[in-house]
Amino acid sequence: MLDWFTSLPVMYQAFFATLFTWGMTALGAALVFTTKNVNMKFLDSMLGFAGGVMIAASFWSLLSPAIEMAEDSPLPSWFPAAAGFLAGGLFLMLLDKIMPHLHPDKPLGQAEGIHPENKKRSTLLVLAITMHNIPEGLAVGVAFGAVAADLPSASLTGAIALAIGIGIQNFPEGLAVSMPLRRDGMSRRKSFFYGQFSGMVEPVAAVIGAVAVVFIQPLLPYALSFAAGAMIFVVAEEVIPGSQENGNTDLASLFLMIGFAVMMILDVSLG
């Protein structure tokens, strides 16, 4: 299986890797078929875990390789990482201001973006998670693109480790969409559909990221750090606050550390 996977063009590698991350989103959303209510301690711990995975992936899989790749450039090695990192955060902040969306734990009256009142609650929930999945798909695509570019700091196992980590943290995201919709009276089938639909953007973003860095290799350090900055913005703006709104602060913080450790182990041992 691994030999078959390594023989594929990079865009197919990125596509199949993010099919896995999409599948994990669908798996989380599928819990709507098996339970009426989700224990909030469980959900908060999973959100904390997701935040830890994303923080660790941002450094070990994205920022650190970006700094290594820039060591031979005429600019200081920290510049591409810093510039791309800040650009990624600013991009997500702008997207957050423009795209109408609703965070799963908020009432409809607190929807954000331009003219959210013109959208259904289900649409706003899906758009919120979809917006957060864009940098995750880009991160996986850029990681596989770096491998295809034969850069010394990039490895196929490291890119696979990143996809595994992103997939693990996608599980609670699918659940975070499907369960509120079910509580609002939507059928289980529709709740699952909208929950898994939020992850469909990842394969698209991954292919775009992989193709872009293969053809424009000098941009690779910026692309890696851009994806890292976008993910950190999501963690700081949504994941960590969302995991602590129900009072389970210690539990969510502990699982954030566990998620960080798991992703660090995956990246170091496989990368």
Protein backbone atom coordinates (compact mmCIF):
# COMPACT_ATOMS: atom_id res chain seq x y z
CA MET A 1 0.00 0.00 0.00
CA LEU A 2 2.79 2.43 0.91
CA ASP A 3 4.67 1.65 -2.32
CA TRP A 4 1.52 2.34 -4.33
CA PHE A 5 0.98 5.60 -2.46
CA THR A 6 4.55 6.81 -2.97
CA SER A 7 4.31 6.12 -6.71
CA LEU A 8 1.40 8.55 -7.12
CA PRO A 9 1.85 12.15 -8.35
CA VAL A 10 1.94 14.63 -5.49
CA MET A 11 -1.52 16.05 -6.16
CA TYR A 12 -3.02 12.58 -5.80
CA GLN A 13 -1.05 11.96 -2.61
CA ALA A 14 -2.39 15.18 -1.13
CA PHE A 15 -5.90 14.37 -2.35
CA PHE A 16 -5.99 10.87 -0.85
CA ALA A 17 -4.42 12.07 2.40
CA THR A 18 -7.16 14.66 2.82
CA LEU A 19 -9.83 12.12 1.92
CA PHE A 20 -8.75 10.55 5.21
CA THR A 21 -9.10 13.87 7.07
CA TRP A 22 -12.51 14.36 5.48
CA GLY A 23 -13.46 10.84 6.51
CA MET A 24 -12.57 11.62 10.12
CA THR A 25 -14.86 14.66 9.97
CA ALA A 26 -17.62 12.37 8.70
CA LEU A 27 -16.89 9.85 11.45
CA GLY A 28 -17.36 12.53 14.09
CA ALA A 29 -20.55 13.73 12.45
CA ALA A 30 -21.84 10.13 12.35
CA LEU A 31 -22.13 10.06 16.14
CA VAL A 32 -25.43 11.87 15.61
CA PHE A 33 -26.85 8.44 14.64
CA THR A 34 -25.81 6.78 17.90
CA THR A 35 -26.53 9.34 20.59
CA LYS A 36 -28.99 12.09 21.42
CA ASN A 37 -26.69 14.15 23.59
CA VAL A 38 -22.93 14.43 23.80
CA ASN A 39 -21.28 14.72 27.18
CA MET A 40 -19.86 18.25 27.31
CA LYS A 41 -16.75 17.07 29.14
CA PHE A 42 -16.08 14.69 26.27
CA LEU A 43 -16.64 17.37 23.64
CA ASP A 44 -14.51 19.94 25.46
CA SER A 45 -11.69 17.44 25.93
CA MET A 46 -11.82 16.59 22.22
CA LEU A 47 -11.73 20.26 21.27
CA GLY A 48 -8.77 20.78 23.57
CA PHE A 49 -7.07 17.77 22.01
CA ALA A 50 -7.72 19.23 18.55
CA GLY A 51 -6.14 22.52 19.60
CA GLY A 52 -3.03 20.75 20.84
CA VAL A 53 -2.68 18.80 17.60
CA MET A 54 -2.99 21.97 15.54
CA ILE A 55 -0.44 23.88 17.64
CA ALA A 56 2.10 21.07 17.44
CA ALA A 57 1.52 20.57 13.71
CA SER A 58 2.02 24.29 13.13
CA PHE A 59 5.52 24.15 14.56
CA TRP A 60 6.87 20.65 13.94
CA SER A 61 5.39 20.11 10.48
CA LEU A 62 5.26 23.66 9.10
CA LEU A 63 7.27 26.41 10.82
CA SER A 64 10.38 24.40 11.61
CA PRO A 65 10.76 23.09 8.00
CA ALA A 66 10.07 26.60 6.69
CA ILE A 67 12.97 27.99 8.74
CA GLU A 68 15.28 25.19 7.58
CA MET A 69 14.37 25.76 3.93
CA ALA A 70 15.16 29.47 4.19
CA GLU A 71 18.67 29.03 5.61
CA ASP A 72 20.31 29.35 2.18
CA SER A 73 18.25 32.34 1.08
CA PRO A 74 19.69 35.88 1.02
CA LEU A 75 17.12 36.95 3.61
CA PRO A 76 17.39 36.01 7.30
CA SER A 77 16.11 32.46 7.80
CA TRP A 78 13.40 33.68 10.18
CA PHE A 79 11.91 36.15 7.69
CA PRO A 80 9.86 33.79 5.46
CA ALA A 81 8.51 31.97 8.51
CA ALA A 82 7.55 35.18 10.30
CA ALA A 83 6.09 36.86 7.20
CA GLY A 84 4.11 33.81 6.12
CA PHE A 85 2.92 33.12 9.67
CA LEU A 86 1.53 36.64 10.13
CA ALA A 87 0.04 36.63 6.63
CA GLY A 88 -1.81 33.38 7.40
CA GLY A 89 -3.30 34.85 10.57
CA LEU A 90 -4.33 38.06 8.80
CA PHE A 91 -5.93 36.04 5.98
CA LEU A 92 -8.07 34.07 8.44
CA MET A 93 -8.96 37.25 10.33
CA LEU A 94 -10.14 38.86 7.09
CA LEU A 95 -12.06 35.73 6.12
CA ASP A 96 -13.61 35.71 9.58
CA LYS A 97 -14.84 39.27 9.05
CA ILE A 98 -16.22 38.66 5.55
CA MET A 99 -17.65 35.13 5.39
CA PRO A 100 -21.02 34.77 7.16
CA HIS A 101 -20.73 32.01 9.76
CA LEU A 102 -21.90 30.87 13.18
CA HIS A 103 -19.80 29.11 15.78
CA PRO A 104 -21.49 25.91 17.04
CA ASP A 105 -21.81 27.12 20.64
CA LYS A 106 -23.40 30.47 19.75
CA PRO A 107 -27.06 31.47 19.25
CA LEU A 108 -28.19 32.54 15.80
CA GLY A 109 -28.19 36.20 16.85
CA GLN A 110 -24.39 36.09 17.30
CA ALA A 111 -23.58 35.04 13.72
CA GLU A 112 -20.58 36.85 12.23
CA GLY A 113 -19.52 38.07 8.80
CA ILE A 114 -21.31 40.07 6.13
CA HIS A 115 -25.13 39.78 6.14
CA PRO A 116 -25.36 36.53 8.16
CA GLU A 117 -29.06 37.18 8.70
CA ASN A 118 -29.67 36.08 5.11
CA LYS A 119 -28.40 32.54 5.79
CA LYS A 120 -29.91 29.52 7.54
CA ARG A 121 -28.37 28.32 10.82
CA SER A 122 -27.26 25.08 9.17
CA THR A 123 -25.47 27.00 6.41
CA LEU A 124 -23.76 29.30 8.92
CA LEU A 125 -22.53 26.36 11.02
CA VAL A 126 -21.10 24.58 7.98
CA LEU A 127 -19.41 27.75 6.76
CA ALA A 128 -17.75 28.22 10.16
CA ILE A 129 -16.09 24.80 10.16
CA THR A 130 -15.38 25.00 6.41
CA MET A 131 -13.50 28.24 6.95
CA HIS A 132 -11.38 26.57 9.59
CA ASN A 133 -10.70 23.55 7.39
CA ILE A 134 -9.13 25.61 4.59
CA PRO A 135 -5.75 26.08 6.34
CA GLU A 136 -5.72 22.42 7.37
CA GLY A 137 -6.14 21.27 3.77
CA LEU A 138 -3.50 23.76 2.60
CA ALA A 139 -1.10 22.52 5.27
CA VAL A 140 -1.36 18.91 4.11
CA GLY A 141 -1.07 19.88 0.44
CA VAL A 142 1.97 22.08 1.03
CA ALA A 143 3.64 19.33 3.07
CA PHE A 144 3.27 16.84 0.22
CA GLY A 145 4.37 19.51 -2.25
CA ALA A 146 7.58 19.96 -0.27
CA VAL A 147 8.28 16.24 -0.58
CA ALA A 148 7.73 16.36 -4.34
CA ALA A 149 10.15 19.29 -4.55
CA ASP A 150 12.88 17.04 -3.03
CA LEU A 151 13.62 19.48 -0.23
CA PRO A 152 15.95 17.95 2.39
CA SER A 153 13.83 18.96 5.38
CA ALA A 154 10.67 17.39 3.94
CA SER A 155 9.74 13.72 4.16
CA LEU A 156 6.80 11.64 3.00
CA THR A 157 6.35 10.11 6.45
CA GLY A 158 6.28 13.61 7.95
CA ALA A 159 3.56 14.67 5.51
CA ILE A 160 1.60 11.51 6.32
CA ALA A 161 2.01 12.22 10.05
CA LEU A 162 0.58 15.69 9.50
CA ALA A 163 -2.43 14.24 7.66
CA ILE A 164 -2.99 11.76 10.50
CA GLY A 165 -2.82 14.52 13.09
CA ILE A 166 -5.22 16.75 11.15
CA GLY A 167 -7.57 13.80 10.71
CA ILE A 168 -7.59 13.08 14.45
CA GLN A 169 -8.52 16.65 15.30
CA ASN A 170 -11.23 16.73 12.59
CA PHE A 171 -13.26 14.16 14.53
CA PRO A 172 -14.68 16.63 17.08
CA GLU A 173 -15.26 19.24 14.37
CA GLY A 174 -17.77 17.03 12.55
CA LEU A 175 -19.47 16.30 15.86
CA ALA A 176 -19.54 20.02 16.72
CA VAL A 177 -21.65 20.69 13.61
CA SER A 178 -23.98 17.69 13.53
CA MET A 179 -25.06 17.67 17.19
CA PRO A 180 -26.26 21.32 17.41
CA LEU A 181 -28.25 20.80 14.21
CA ARG A 182 -29.84 17.68 15.67
CA ARG A 183 -30.72 19.57 18.86
CA ASP A 184 -32.40 22.22 16.68
CA GLY A 185 -34.76 19.55 15.33
CA MET A 186 -33.04 18.61 12.08
CA SER A 187 -33.17 14.94 11.10
CA ARG A 188 -30.18 12.72 11.88
CA ARG A 189 -29.50 12.19 8.18
CA LYS A 190 -29.42 15.90 7.39
CA SER A 191 -27.40 16.67 10.53
CA PHE A 192 -24.80 14.11 9.46
CA PHE A 193 -24.77 15.44 5.90
CA TYR A 194 -24.05 19.00 7.00
CA GLY A 195 -21.49 17.82 9.56
CA GLN A 196 -19.40 15.85 7.07
CA PHE A 197 -19.90 18.43 4.32
CA SER A 198 -17.75 20.90 6.26
CA GLY A 199 -14.69 18.71 5.64
CA MET A 200 -15.09 18.55 1.86
CA VAL A 201 -13.01 21.70 1.38
CA GLU A 202 -9.85 19.99 2.63
CA PRO A 203 -9.12 17.83 -0.46
CA VAL A 204 -9.67 20.87 -2.69
CA ALA A 205 -7.37 23.09 -0.61
CA ALA A 206 -4.77 20.31 -0.40
CA VAL A 207 -4.55 19.86 -4.18
CA ILE A 208 -4.25 23.62 -4.68
CA GLY A 209 -1.48 23.84 -2.08
CA ALA A 210 0.47 20.88 -3.46
CA VAL A 211 0.34 22.04 -7.07
CA ALA A 212 1.23 25.63 -6.17
CA VAL A 213 4.42 24.79 -4.28
CA VAL A 214 5.61 22.30 -6.88
CA PHE A 215 5.50 24.94 -9.59
CA ILE A 216 6.61 27.87 -7.41
CA GLN A 217 9.23 26.33 -5.13
CA PRO A 218 10.68 29.63 -3.79
CA LEU A 219 7.31 30.28 -2.16
CA LEU A 220 7.39 27.05 -0.17
CA PRO A 221 8.72 28.47 3.14
CA TYR A 222 6.10 31.20 2.96
CA ALA A 223 3.36 28.68 2.10
CA LEU A 224 4.28 26.39 5.01
CA SER A 225 4.32 29.24 7.52
CA PHE A 226 1.14 30.73 6.01
CA ALA A 227 -0.71 27.51 6.77
CA ALA A 228 0.77 27.50 10.28
CA GLY A 229 -0.37 31.06 10.95
CA ALA A 230 -3.86 30.32 9.70
CA MET A 231 -4.14 27.27 11.96
CA ILE A 232 -2.87 29.11 15.03
CA PHE A 233 -5.45 31.85 14.42
CA VAL A 234 -8.19 29.20 14.36
CA VAL A 235 -6.89 27.67 17.61
CA ALA A 236 -6.67 31.02 19.41
CA GLU A 237 -9.91 32.47 18.06
CA GLU A 238 -12.18 29.44 18.18
CA VAL A 239 -10.86 26.09 19.39
CA ILE A 240 -9.43 27.00 22.81
CA PRO A 241 -12.22 29.44 23.79
CA GLY A 242 -14.84 26.94 22.62
CA SER A 243 -13.29 24.16 24.70
CA GLN A 244 -13.48 26.20 27.92
CA GLU A 245 -16.89 27.87 27.72
CA ASN A 246 -18.62 25.12 29.70
CA GLY A 247 -16.32 25.39 32.70
CA ASN A 248 -14.17 22.35 31.88
CA THR A 249 -11.04 24.47 31.71
CA ASP A 250 -8.62 22.10 33.43
CA LEU A 251 -9.81 19.09 31.44
CA ALA A 252 -9.63 20.96 28.13
CA SER A 253 -6.15 22.28 28.97
CA LEU A 254 -4.93 18.80 29.88
CA PHE A 255 -6.21 17.34 26.62
CA LEU A 256 -4.66 20.23 24.70
CA MET A 257 -1.31 19.14 26.12
CA ILE A 258 -2.06 15.49 25.28
CA GLY A 259 -2.95 16.48 21.71
CA PHE A 260 0.27 18.46 21.41
CA ALA A 261 2.30 15.50 22.69
CA VAL A 262 0.57 13.04 20.33
CA MET A 263 1.22 15.22 17.27
CA MET A 264 4.80 15.88 18.34
CA ILE A 265 5.42 12.15 18.72
CA LEU A 266 3.83 11.42 15.35
CA ASP A 267 5.90 14.07 13.57
CA VAL A 268 9.23 13.25 15.24
CA SER A 269 8.90 9.47 15.08
CA LEU A 270 7.51 9.31 11.53
CA GLY A 271 9.20 12.41 10.09
